[in-house]
N, C-alpha and C. Protein backbone atom coordinates (compact mmCIF):
# COMPACT_ATOMS: atom_id res chain seq x y z
N MET A 1 12.09 10.86 -38.91
CA MET A 1 12.72 9.75 -38.24
C MET A 1 13.73 10.26 -37.22
N ALA A 2 13.74 9.66 -36.08
CA ALA A 2 14.72 10.00 -35.04
C ALA A 2 15.59 8.78 -34.79
N PHE A 3 16.84 9.05 -34.51
CA PHE A 3 17.72 7.96 -34.11
C PHE A 3 17.36 7.56 -32.68
N ARG A 4 17.60 6.31 -32.35
CA ARG A 4 17.23 5.77 -31.05
C ARG A 4 17.80 6.62 -29.90
N PHE A 5 19.05 7.05 -30.01
CA PHE A 5 19.69 7.77 -28.92
C PHE A 5 19.05 9.12 -28.64
N GLU A 6 18.43 9.72 -29.65
CA GLU A 6 17.84 11.05 -29.48
C GLU A 6 16.69 11.05 -28.48
N GLU A 7 16.12 9.88 -28.24
CA GLU A 7 15.01 9.75 -27.29
C GLU A 7 15.48 9.45 -25.88
N LEU A 8 16.75 9.13 -25.72
CA LEU A 8 17.26 8.72 -24.41
C LEU A 8 17.53 9.93 -23.52
N GLU A 9 16.97 9.88 -22.32
CA GLU A 9 17.18 10.97 -21.36
C GLU A 9 18.64 11.10 -20.96
N ILE A 10 19.37 9.97 -20.91
CA ILE A 10 20.79 10.04 -20.55
C ILE A 10 21.60 10.75 -21.63
N TRP A 11 21.19 10.59 -22.88
CA TRP A 11 21.88 11.29 -23.96
C TRP A 11 21.60 12.79 -23.88
N LYS A 12 20.35 13.14 -23.62
CA LYS A 12 19.98 14.55 -23.49
C LYS A 12 20.73 15.20 -22.31
N ALA A 13 20.81 14.48 -21.19
CA ALA A 13 21.51 15.02 -20.02
C ALA A 13 23.00 15.17 -20.29
N SER A 14 23.57 14.21 -20.99
CA SER A 14 25.00 14.29 -21.30
C SER A 14 25.28 15.43 -22.28
N ASN A 15 24.34 15.70 -23.15
CA ASN A 15 24.47 16.84 -24.07
C ASN A 15 24.45 18.16 -23.30
N ASN A 16 23.61 18.24 -22.28
CA ASN A 16 23.58 19.44 -21.45
C ASN A 16 24.89 19.60 -20.68
N TYR A 17 25.46 18.48 -20.25
CA TYR A 17 26.72 18.52 -19.52
C TYR A 17 27.85 19.08 -20.40
N ILE A 18 27.93 18.60 -21.62
CA ILE A 18 28.98 19.09 -22.51
C ILE A 18 28.79 20.58 -22.81
N LYS A 19 27.55 21.02 -22.90
CA LYS A 19 27.30 22.46 -23.10
C LYS A 19 27.86 23.27 -21.94
N ASP A 20 27.68 22.76 -20.72
CA ASP A 20 28.21 23.45 -19.54
C ASP A 20 29.73 23.45 -19.53
N ILE A 21 30.33 22.37 -19.97
CA ILE A 21 31.80 22.30 -20.07
C ILE A 21 32.29 23.33 -21.09
N TYR A 22 31.62 23.41 -22.23
CA TYR A 22 32.02 24.39 -23.25
C TYR A 22 31.92 25.81 -22.70
N LEU A 23 30.87 26.09 -21.96
CA LEU A 23 30.71 27.43 -21.38
C LEU A 23 31.81 27.76 -20.39
N ILE A 24 32.13 26.80 -19.53
CA ILE A 24 33.12 27.06 -18.49
C ILE A 24 34.52 27.22 -19.08
N THR A 25 34.81 26.47 -20.15
CA THR A 25 36.16 26.55 -20.73
C THR A 25 36.39 27.86 -21.50
N LYS A 26 35.34 28.59 -21.78
CA LYS A 26 35.51 29.90 -22.43
C LYS A 26 36.27 30.87 -21.52
N LYS A 27 36.27 30.60 -20.22
CA LYS A 27 36.96 31.45 -19.24
C LYS A 27 38.45 31.12 -19.14
N PHE A 28 38.86 29.98 -19.69
CA PHE A 28 40.25 29.53 -19.55
C PHE A 28 41.18 30.41 -20.38
N PRO A 29 42.44 30.48 -19.99
CA PRO A 29 43.39 31.24 -20.79
C PRO A 29 43.61 30.60 -22.16
N LYS A 30 43.91 31.42 -23.13
CA LYS A 30 44.09 30.95 -24.51
C LYS A 30 45.18 29.88 -24.64
N GLU A 31 46.21 29.95 -23.81
CA GLU A 31 47.30 28.97 -23.92
C GLU A 31 46.86 27.55 -23.57
N GLU A 32 45.69 27.41 -23.00
CA GLU A 32 45.16 26.08 -22.67
C GLU A 32 44.31 25.50 -23.81
N ALA A 33 44.19 26.21 -24.91
CA ALA A 33 43.32 25.78 -26.01
C ALA A 33 43.64 24.37 -26.51
N PHE A 34 44.91 24.03 -26.59
CA PHE A 34 45.29 22.72 -27.12
C PHE A 34 45.68 21.74 -26.02
N ALA A 35 45.45 22.14 -24.79
CA ALA A 35 45.78 21.28 -23.66
C ALA A 35 44.52 20.97 -22.85
N LEU A 36 44.37 21.63 -21.72
CA LEU A 36 43.27 21.31 -20.81
C LEU A 36 41.88 21.54 -21.42
N ILE A 37 41.72 22.61 -22.16
CA ILE A 37 40.42 22.87 -22.79
C ILE A 37 40.07 21.73 -23.74
N SER A 38 41.01 21.36 -24.56
CA SER A 38 40.79 20.27 -25.52
C SER A 38 40.49 18.96 -24.81
N GLN A 39 41.24 18.66 -23.75
CA GLN A 39 41.02 17.42 -23.01
C GLN A 39 39.64 17.39 -22.37
N LEU A 40 39.26 18.51 -21.77
CA LEU A 40 37.93 18.59 -21.14
C LEU A 40 36.81 18.41 -22.15
N LYS A 41 36.92 19.09 -23.27
CA LYS A 41 35.88 19.00 -24.30
C LYS A 41 35.80 17.60 -24.90
N ARG A 42 36.94 16.98 -25.12
CA ARG A 42 36.95 15.61 -25.68
C ARG A 42 36.36 14.61 -24.69
N ALA A 43 36.76 14.71 -23.43
CA ALA A 43 36.26 13.78 -22.42
C ALA A 43 34.75 13.93 -22.24
N ALA A 44 34.29 15.17 -22.08
CA ALA A 44 32.86 15.40 -21.88
C ALA A 44 32.06 15.05 -23.14
N GLY A 45 32.61 15.36 -24.31
CA GLY A 45 31.93 15.03 -25.56
C GLY A 45 31.84 13.54 -25.80
N SER A 46 32.79 12.81 -25.27
CA SER A 46 32.80 11.36 -25.41
C SER A 46 31.62 10.70 -24.70
N VAL A 47 31.10 11.35 -23.68
CA VAL A 47 29.97 10.79 -22.92
C VAL A 47 28.76 10.62 -23.85
N SER A 48 28.32 11.69 -24.44
CA SER A 48 27.14 11.62 -25.31
C SER A 48 27.43 10.83 -26.59
N ALA A 49 28.66 10.95 -27.09
CA ALA A 49 29.03 10.23 -28.32
C ALA A 49 28.98 8.72 -28.11
N ASN A 50 29.44 8.25 -26.97
CA ASN A 50 29.41 6.81 -26.71
C ASN A 50 28.00 6.30 -26.43
N ILE A 51 27.17 7.13 -25.83
CA ILE A 51 25.76 6.73 -25.65
C ILE A 51 25.12 6.59 -27.03
N ALA A 52 25.36 7.56 -27.89
CA ALA A 52 24.80 7.52 -29.25
C ALA A 52 25.32 6.30 -30.01
N GLU A 53 26.63 6.11 -29.98
CA GLU A 53 27.21 4.99 -30.71
C GLU A 53 26.71 3.65 -30.17
N GLY A 54 26.66 3.53 -28.86
CA GLY A 54 26.19 2.29 -28.25
C GLY A 54 24.74 1.98 -28.55
N SER A 55 23.94 3.01 -28.75
CA SER A 55 22.51 2.78 -29.03
C SER A 55 22.31 2.06 -30.35
N GLY A 56 23.32 2.09 -31.20
CA GLY A 56 23.23 1.38 -32.47
C GLY A 56 23.75 -0.05 -32.40
N SER A 57 24.10 -0.48 -31.21
CA SER A 57 24.63 -1.83 -31.03
C SER A 57 23.58 -2.89 -31.32
N SER A 58 24.07 -4.05 -31.70
CA SER A 58 23.15 -5.16 -32.00
C SER A 58 22.86 -6.01 -30.77
N SER A 59 23.55 -5.74 -29.66
CA SER A 59 23.29 -6.50 -28.44
C SER A 59 23.28 -5.59 -27.22
N LYS A 60 22.59 -6.04 -26.18
CA LYS A 60 22.56 -5.29 -24.93
C LYS A 60 23.95 -5.23 -24.30
N LYS A 61 24.69 -6.32 -24.43
CA LYS A 61 26.04 -6.39 -23.87
C LYS A 61 26.94 -5.33 -24.51
N ASP A 62 26.85 -5.19 -25.82
CA ASP A 62 27.66 -4.20 -26.52
C ASP A 62 27.25 -2.78 -26.13
N PHE A 63 25.95 -2.53 -26.06
CA PHE A 63 25.45 -1.22 -25.65
C PHE A 63 25.95 -0.90 -24.24
N SER A 64 25.88 -1.89 -23.35
CA SER A 64 26.32 -1.71 -21.98
C SER A 64 27.81 -1.34 -21.93
N HIS A 65 28.59 -1.93 -22.81
CA HIS A 65 30.02 -1.61 -22.89
C HIS A 65 30.22 -0.13 -23.23
N TYR A 66 29.46 0.37 -24.19
CA TYR A 66 29.56 1.79 -24.56
C TYR A 66 29.12 2.69 -23.41
N LEU A 67 28.14 2.25 -22.65
CA LEU A 67 27.70 3.02 -21.48
C LEU A 67 28.81 3.07 -20.43
N ASP A 68 29.54 1.96 -20.29
CA ASP A 68 30.69 1.94 -19.37
C ASP A 68 31.75 2.96 -19.81
N ILE A 69 31.99 3.03 -21.10
CA ILE A 69 32.96 4.00 -21.62
C ILE A 69 32.48 5.42 -21.33
N SER A 70 31.18 5.65 -21.45
CA SER A 70 30.62 6.98 -21.13
C SER A 70 30.90 7.35 -19.68
N ILE A 71 30.71 6.40 -18.80
CA ILE A 71 30.95 6.65 -17.37
C ILE A 71 32.43 6.96 -17.14
N LYS A 72 33.30 6.21 -17.79
CA LYS A 72 34.74 6.48 -17.65
C LYS A 72 35.10 7.87 -18.16
N SER A 73 34.43 8.30 -19.20
CA SER A 73 34.67 9.65 -19.73
C SER A 73 34.21 10.71 -18.74
N ILE A 74 33.16 10.43 -18.00
CA ILE A 74 32.72 11.36 -16.95
C ILE A 74 33.80 11.46 -15.88
N PHE A 75 34.36 10.31 -15.47
CA PHE A 75 35.42 10.31 -14.47
C PHE A 75 36.63 11.13 -14.95
N GLU A 76 36.96 10.96 -16.22
CA GLU A 76 38.07 11.71 -16.80
C GLU A 76 37.78 13.21 -16.75
N THR A 77 36.57 13.58 -17.09
CA THR A 77 36.17 14.99 -17.06
C THR A 77 36.31 15.56 -15.65
N VAL A 78 35.83 14.82 -14.67
CA VAL A 78 35.90 15.27 -13.27
C VAL A 78 37.37 15.46 -12.85
N SER A 79 38.22 14.55 -13.26
CA SER A 79 39.64 14.67 -12.94
C SER A 79 40.23 15.95 -13.53
N HIS A 80 39.89 16.23 -14.78
CA HIS A 80 40.38 17.46 -15.42
C HIS A 80 39.84 18.71 -14.71
N LEU A 81 38.64 18.62 -14.17
CA LEU A 81 38.07 19.76 -13.46
C LEU A 81 38.85 20.08 -12.19
N TYR A 82 39.39 19.06 -11.54
CA TYR A 82 40.24 19.31 -10.37
C TYR A 82 41.47 20.12 -10.77
N LEU A 83 42.07 19.76 -11.88
CA LEU A 83 43.24 20.49 -12.37
C LEU A 83 42.86 21.93 -12.72
N ALA A 84 41.72 22.09 -13.37
CA ALA A 84 41.25 23.43 -13.72
C ALA A 84 41.07 24.28 -12.46
N LYS A 85 40.56 23.68 -11.42
CA LYS A 85 40.39 24.40 -10.14
C LYS A 85 41.74 24.72 -9.53
N GLU A 86 42.67 23.76 -9.54
CA GLU A 86 44.00 23.99 -8.97
C GLU A 86 44.74 25.12 -9.71
N GLN A 87 44.49 25.23 -11.00
CA GLN A 87 45.13 26.27 -11.80
C GLN A 87 44.36 27.60 -11.72
N LYS A 88 43.26 27.58 -10.95
CA LYS A 88 42.43 28.77 -10.76
C LYS A 88 41.72 29.23 -12.04
N TYR A 89 41.44 28.27 -12.93
CA TYR A 89 40.68 28.58 -14.14
C TYR A 89 39.18 28.55 -13.86
N ILE A 90 38.80 27.80 -12.82
CA ILE A 90 37.40 27.75 -12.38
C ILE A 90 37.38 27.92 -10.86
N THR A 91 36.24 28.29 -10.35
CA THR A 91 36.07 28.41 -8.91
C THR A 91 35.72 27.05 -8.31
N GLU A 92 35.86 26.95 -7.02
CA GLU A 92 35.46 25.73 -6.33
C GLU A 92 33.95 25.51 -6.52
N ARG A 93 33.20 26.57 -6.53
CA ARG A 93 31.75 26.46 -6.74
C ARG A 93 31.44 25.87 -8.12
N ASP A 94 32.16 26.34 -9.15
CA ASP A 94 31.97 25.79 -10.50
C ASP A 94 32.32 24.29 -10.52
N ARG A 95 33.45 23.94 -9.88
CA ARG A 95 33.88 22.55 -9.86
C ARG A 95 32.83 21.67 -9.17
N ILE A 96 32.33 22.13 -8.05
CA ILE A 96 31.33 21.36 -7.30
C ILE A 96 30.06 21.20 -8.13
N CYS A 97 29.62 22.26 -8.78
CA CYS A 97 28.42 22.20 -9.62
C CYS A 97 28.58 21.15 -10.72
N LEU A 98 29.71 21.19 -11.42
CA LEU A 98 29.96 20.23 -12.50
C LEU A 98 30.17 18.82 -11.96
N TYR A 99 30.76 18.73 -10.78
CA TYR A 99 30.95 17.44 -10.11
C TYR A 99 29.60 16.81 -9.78
N GLU A 100 28.70 17.61 -9.23
CA GLU A 100 27.37 17.11 -8.88
C GLU A 100 26.59 16.68 -10.12
N GLN A 101 26.71 17.46 -11.20
CA GLN A 101 26.07 17.06 -12.45
C GLN A 101 26.64 15.71 -12.92
N ALA A 102 27.95 15.54 -12.78
CA ALA A 102 28.60 14.30 -13.19
C ALA A 102 28.09 13.13 -12.36
N GLU A 103 27.95 13.33 -11.06
CA GLU A 103 27.44 12.27 -10.18
C GLU A 103 26.05 11.83 -10.61
N ILE A 104 25.19 12.79 -10.88
CA ILE A 104 23.82 12.49 -11.30
C ILE A 104 23.83 11.75 -12.63
N LEU A 105 24.66 12.18 -13.53
CA LEU A 105 24.75 11.54 -14.85
C LEU A 105 25.22 10.10 -14.72
N VAL A 106 26.22 9.84 -13.89
CA VAL A 106 26.69 8.46 -13.67
C VAL A 106 25.56 7.60 -13.11
N LYS A 107 24.84 8.12 -12.14
CA LYS A 107 23.72 7.37 -11.54
C LYS A 107 22.66 7.07 -12.59
N ARG A 108 22.35 8.04 -13.42
CA ARG A 108 21.33 7.84 -14.45
C ARG A 108 21.77 6.81 -15.50
N ILE A 109 23.03 6.87 -15.88
CA ILE A 109 23.54 5.90 -16.85
C ILE A 109 23.54 4.50 -16.23
N ASN A 110 23.96 4.39 -14.98
CA ASN A 110 23.93 3.09 -14.31
C ASN A 110 22.51 2.55 -14.18
N SER A 111 21.56 3.41 -13.88
CA SER A 111 20.16 2.98 -13.79
C SER A 111 19.67 2.50 -15.15
N PHE A 112 20.04 3.22 -16.19
CA PHE A 112 19.65 2.82 -17.54
C PHE A 112 20.26 1.46 -17.89
N LYS A 113 21.53 1.27 -17.51
CA LYS A 113 22.19 -0.02 -17.76
C LYS A 113 21.44 -1.17 -17.08
N LYS A 114 21.03 -0.96 -15.83
CA LYS A 114 20.28 -1.99 -15.10
C LYS A 114 18.97 -2.29 -15.81
N TRP A 115 18.27 -1.24 -16.22
CA TRP A 115 17.00 -1.42 -16.94
C TRP A 115 17.25 -2.17 -18.26
N LEU A 116 18.28 -1.77 -18.97
CA LEU A 116 18.61 -2.39 -20.26
C LEU A 116 18.90 -3.87 -20.09
N ASN A 117 19.63 -4.24 -19.07
CA ASN A 117 20.02 -5.63 -18.87
C ASN A 117 18.85 -6.50 -18.37
N LYS A 118 17.84 -5.88 -17.79
CA LYS A 118 16.64 -6.63 -17.35
C LYS A 118 15.66 -6.82 -18.48
N LYS A 119 15.73 -5.94 -19.47
CA LYS A 119 14.79 -5.90 -20.58
C LYS A 119 14.86 -7.17 -21.42
C-alpha cells in the first residue's frame, strides 16, 4: 500500500529540493547549526510535509490550503538563501540554481492546485 502523496510528482520534486538544501547546508559553518541551517531545513522540509499532510484532507479546499502553505515555505526558503549568499555560505550560482528549482516547484504546485480544483 502506498499513501496518496507518495504518487504525487510535486511531493517527489519537493523531496528532491530538500535533499539539495541538506547538501548545500553541509558547507555552512558549524555556528549556524541552530540558526540559518535549521531555518533552511525546516522551511524546505515543510514543503513536502505539507503536501503529504494535505493529501490526507477530506476536501479539495483543505488540500489546497496545505498546498498554499507549501508555496509559502518555498518563499521562506528562498529568502533564507539570500541571507546565506550574503554571508558567503553559498555562491551566487548555488543560490540561482536553488532559486530556479523553487520557481519550478511553485509552478508545479500551482498547476496541481488548478487541476485539483477542476476535478
